Amino acid sequence: MPALLLALVLACGDTTMSTDGWEKTCEAPVECLAVTVGEVCGCSCEVGVINASQEEEWNAERDEILESCEEVYECSPCPDVEVTCEDGLCVVVD
């Protein structure tokens, strides 16, 4: 997400993240990364997948949103999920 768009989102108080617009293509399972999506300030265990090359950018955007949270809840760990590369796209294994 471009920095200007992220700034506008934060100014409006949106503290959710989605994998919409993030790269999900792959050639091998090692290129896929499970990420937590949904409400950043709350206890979301909803999972999305992105290309692992974007991990640093994803974490930076998540950290920036966390800074805007009025309250951050302490949550139990989410269950582990397995991701793979299927037909050129990163997916969560059912």
C-alpha atoms as a PDB file:
ATOM      1  CA  MET A   1       0.000   0.000   0.000  1.00  0.00           C
ATOM      2  CA  PRO A   2       1.525   3.335  -0.957  1.00  0.00           C
ATOM      3  CA  ALA A   3       2.554   5.493   1.998  1.00  0.00           C
ATOM      4  CA  LEU A   4       0.132   8.311   1.114  1.00  0.00           C
ATOM      5  CA  LEU A   5      -2.796   5.897   1.035  1.00  0.00           C
ATOM      6  CA  LEU A   6      -1.691   4.377   4.340  1.00  0.00           C
ATOM      7  CA  ALA A   7      -1.527   7.874   5.867  1.00  0.00           C
ATOM      8  CA  LEU A   8      -5.066   8.584   4.686  1.00  0.00           C
ATOM      9  CA  VAL A   9      -6.315   5.283   6.069  1.00  0.00           C
ATOM     10  CA  LEU A  10      -4.719   5.968   9.448  1.00  0.00           C
ATOM     11  CA  ALA A  11      -6.109   9.485   9.533  1.00  0.00           C
ATOM     12  CA  CYS A  12      -9.583   8.004   9.120  1.00  0.00           C
ATOM     13  CA  GLY A  13      -9.006   5.594  12.002  1.00  0.00           C
ATOM     14  CA  ASP A  14      -9.018   2.337  10.015  1.00  0.00           C
ATOM     15  CA  THR A  15      -6.962  -0.170  11.966  1.00  0.00           C
ATOM     16  CA  THR A  16      -7.572  -3.231   9.812  1.00  0.00           C
ATOM     17  CA  MET A  17      -5.245  -4.988   7.391  1.00  0.00           C
ATOM     18  CA  SER A  18      -6.091  -7.085   4.368  1.00  0.00           C
ATOM     19  CA  THR A  19      -4.034  -8.889   1.751  1.00  0.00           C
ATOM     20  CA  ASP A  20      -5.923  -7.062  -1.010  1.00  0.00           C
ATOM     21  CA  GLY A  21      -3.376  -5.505  -3.326  1.00  0.00           C
ATOM     22  CA  TRP A  22      -0.452  -7.548  -1.982  1.00  0.00           C
ATOM     23  CA  GLU A  23       1.562  -9.902  -4.200  1.00  0.00           C
ATOM     24  CA  LYS A  24       0.481 -13.541  -3.857  1.00  0.00           C
ATOM     25  CA  THR A  25       2.231 -15.166  -6.825  1.00  0.00           C
ATOM     26  CA  CYS A  26       4.785 -17.897  -6.234  1.00  0.00           C
ATOM     27  CA  GLU A  27       6.761 -20.725  -7.798  1.00  0.00           C
ATOM     28  CA  ALA A  28       7.429 -22.677  -4.583  1.00  0.00           C
ATOM     29  CA  PRO A  29       5.837 -22.942  -1.107  1.00  0.00           C
ATOM     30  CA  VAL A  30       8.859 -21.260   0.506  1.00  0.00           C
ATOM     31  CA  GLU A  31       7.813 -18.042  -1.244  1.00  0.00           C
ATOM     32  CA  CYS A  32       4.529 -17.897   0.716  1.00  0.00           C
ATOM     33  CA  LEU A  33       3.918 -16.283   4.096  1.00  0.00           C
ATOM     34  CA  ALA A  34       0.880 -16.494   6.366  1.00  0.00           C
ATOM     35  CA  VAL A  35      -0.091 -13.118   7.838  1.00  0.00           C
ATOM     36  CA  THR A  36      -2.756 -12.091  10.328  1.00  0.00           C
ATOM     37  CA  VAL A  37      -5.437  -9.929   8.738  1.00  0.00           C
ATOM     38  CA  GLY A  38      -8.385  -8.068  10.176  1.00  0.00           C
ATOM     39  CA  GLU A  39      -8.391  -5.778  13.193  1.00  0.00           C
ATOM     40  CA  VAL A  40      -4.782  -4.964  14.124  1.00  0.00           C
ATOM     41  CA  CYS A  41      -5.623  -3.484  17.538  1.00  0.00           C
ATOM     42  CA  GLY A  42      -7.795  -6.460  18.525  1.00  0.00           C
ATOM     43  CA  CYS A  43      -7.430 -10.217  18.656  1.00  0.00           C
ATOM     44  CA  SER A  44      -7.868 -11.353  15.076  1.00  0.00           C
ATOM     45  CA  CYS A  45      -6.725 -14.847  14.119  1.00  0.00           C
ATOM     46  CA  GLU A  46      -7.968 -14.470  10.546  1.00  0.00           C
ATOM     47  CA  VAL A  47      -5.207 -15.527   8.157  1.00  0.00           C
ATOM     48  CA  GLY A  48      -4.230 -14.319   4.714  1.00  0.00           C
ATOM     49  CA  VAL A  49      -1.208 -15.074   2.554  1.00  0.00           C
ATOM     50  CA  ILE A  50       1.280 -12.892   0.729  1.00  0.00           C
ATOM     51  CA  ASN A  51       4.532 -13.458  -1.106  1.00  0.00           C
ATOM     52  CA  ALA A  52       7.263 -13.745   1.544  1.00  0.00           C
ATOM     53  CA  SER A  53       9.369 -11.111  -0.236  1.00  0.00           C
ATOM     54  CA  GLN A  54       6.925  -8.532   1.161  1.00  0.00           C
ATOM     55  CA  GLU A  55       7.274  -9.551   4.823  1.00  0.00           C
ATOM     56  CA  GLU A  56       9.319  -6.495   5.825  1.00  0.00           C
ATOM     57  CA  GLU A  57       6.861  -4.073   4.187  1.00  0.00           C
ATOM     58  CA  TRP A  58       3.860  -5.905   5.726  1.00  0.00           C
ATOM     59  CA  ASN A  59       5.415  -5.726   9.211  1.00  0.00           C
ATOM     60  CA  ALA A  60       6.268  -2.038   8.789  1.00  0.00           C
ATOM     61  CA  GLU A  61       2.675  -1.199   7.853  1.00  0.00           C
ATOM     62  CA  ARG A  62       1.353  -3.309  10.731  1.00  0.00           C
ATOM     63  CA  ASP A  63       3.692  -1.548  13.180  1.00  0.00           C
ATOM     64  CA  GLU A  64       2.540   1.840  11.897  1.00  0.00           C
ATOM     65  CA  ILE A  65      -1.104   0.889  12.432  1.00  0.00           C
ATOM     66  CA  LEU A  66      -0.300  -0.447  15.919  1.00  0.00           C
ATOM     67  CA  GLU A  67       1.095   2.980  16.827  1.00  0.00           C
ATOM     68  CA  SER A  68      -2.317   4.506  16.027  1.00  0.00           C
ATOM     69  CA  CYS A  69      -4.279   2.083  18.244  1.00  0.00           C
ATOM     70  CA  GLU A  70      -5.877   3.628  21.304  1.00  0.00           C
ATOM     71  CA  GLU A  71      -5.645   0.253  23.018  1.00  0.00           C
ATOM     72  CA  VAL A  72      -3.874  -2.951  21.980  1.00  0.00           C
ATOM     73  CA  TYR A  73      -5.270  -6.117  23.492  1.00  0.00           C
ATOM     74  CA  GLU A  74      -3.062  -8.895  24.807  1.00  0.00           C
ATOM     75  CA  CYS A  75      -4.305 -11.972  22.980  1.00  0.00           C
ATOM     76  CA  SER A  76      -3.730 -15.702  23.082  1.00  0.00           C
ATOM     77  CA  PRO A  77      -1.542 -17.054  20.269  1.00  0.00           C
ATOM     78  CA  CYS A  78      -3.352 -17.940  17.072  1.00  0.00           C
ATOM     79  CA  PRO A  79      -3.216 -21.519  15.788  1.00  0.00           C
ATOM     80  CA  ASP A  80      -0.461 -22.297  13.297  1.00  0.00           C
ATOM     81  CA  VAL A  81      -1.505 -22.567   9.669  1.00  0.00           C
ATOM     82  CA  GLU A  82       0.232 -24.146   6.712  1.00  0.00           C
ATOM     83  CA  VAL A  83       0.628 -22.300   3.430  1.00  0.00           C
ATOM     84  CA  THR A  84       1.680 -23.561   0.041  1.00  0.00           C
ATOM     85  CA  CYS A  85       2.061 -22.513  -3.579  1.00  0.00           C
ATOM     86  CA  GLU A  86      -0.767 -23.857  -5.710  1.00  0.00           C
ATOM     87  CA  ASP A  87      -1.096 -23.073  -9.402  1.00  0.00           C
ATOM     88  CA  GLY A  88       1.235 -20.100  -9.025  1.00  0.00           C
ATOM     89  CA  LEU A  89      -0.588 -18.538  -6.045  1.00  0.00           C
ATOM     90  CA  CYS A  90       0.066 -18.631  -2.314  1.00  0.00           C
ATOM     91  CA  VAL A  91      -2.824 -20.292  -0.458  1.00  0.00           C
ATOM     92  CA  VAL A  92      -3.670 -21.560   3.029  1.00  0.00           C
ATOM     93  CA  VAL A  93      -3.736 -25.363   3.188  1.00  0.00           C
ATOM     94  CA  ASP A  94      -7.179 -26.600   4.271  1.00  0.00           C
END
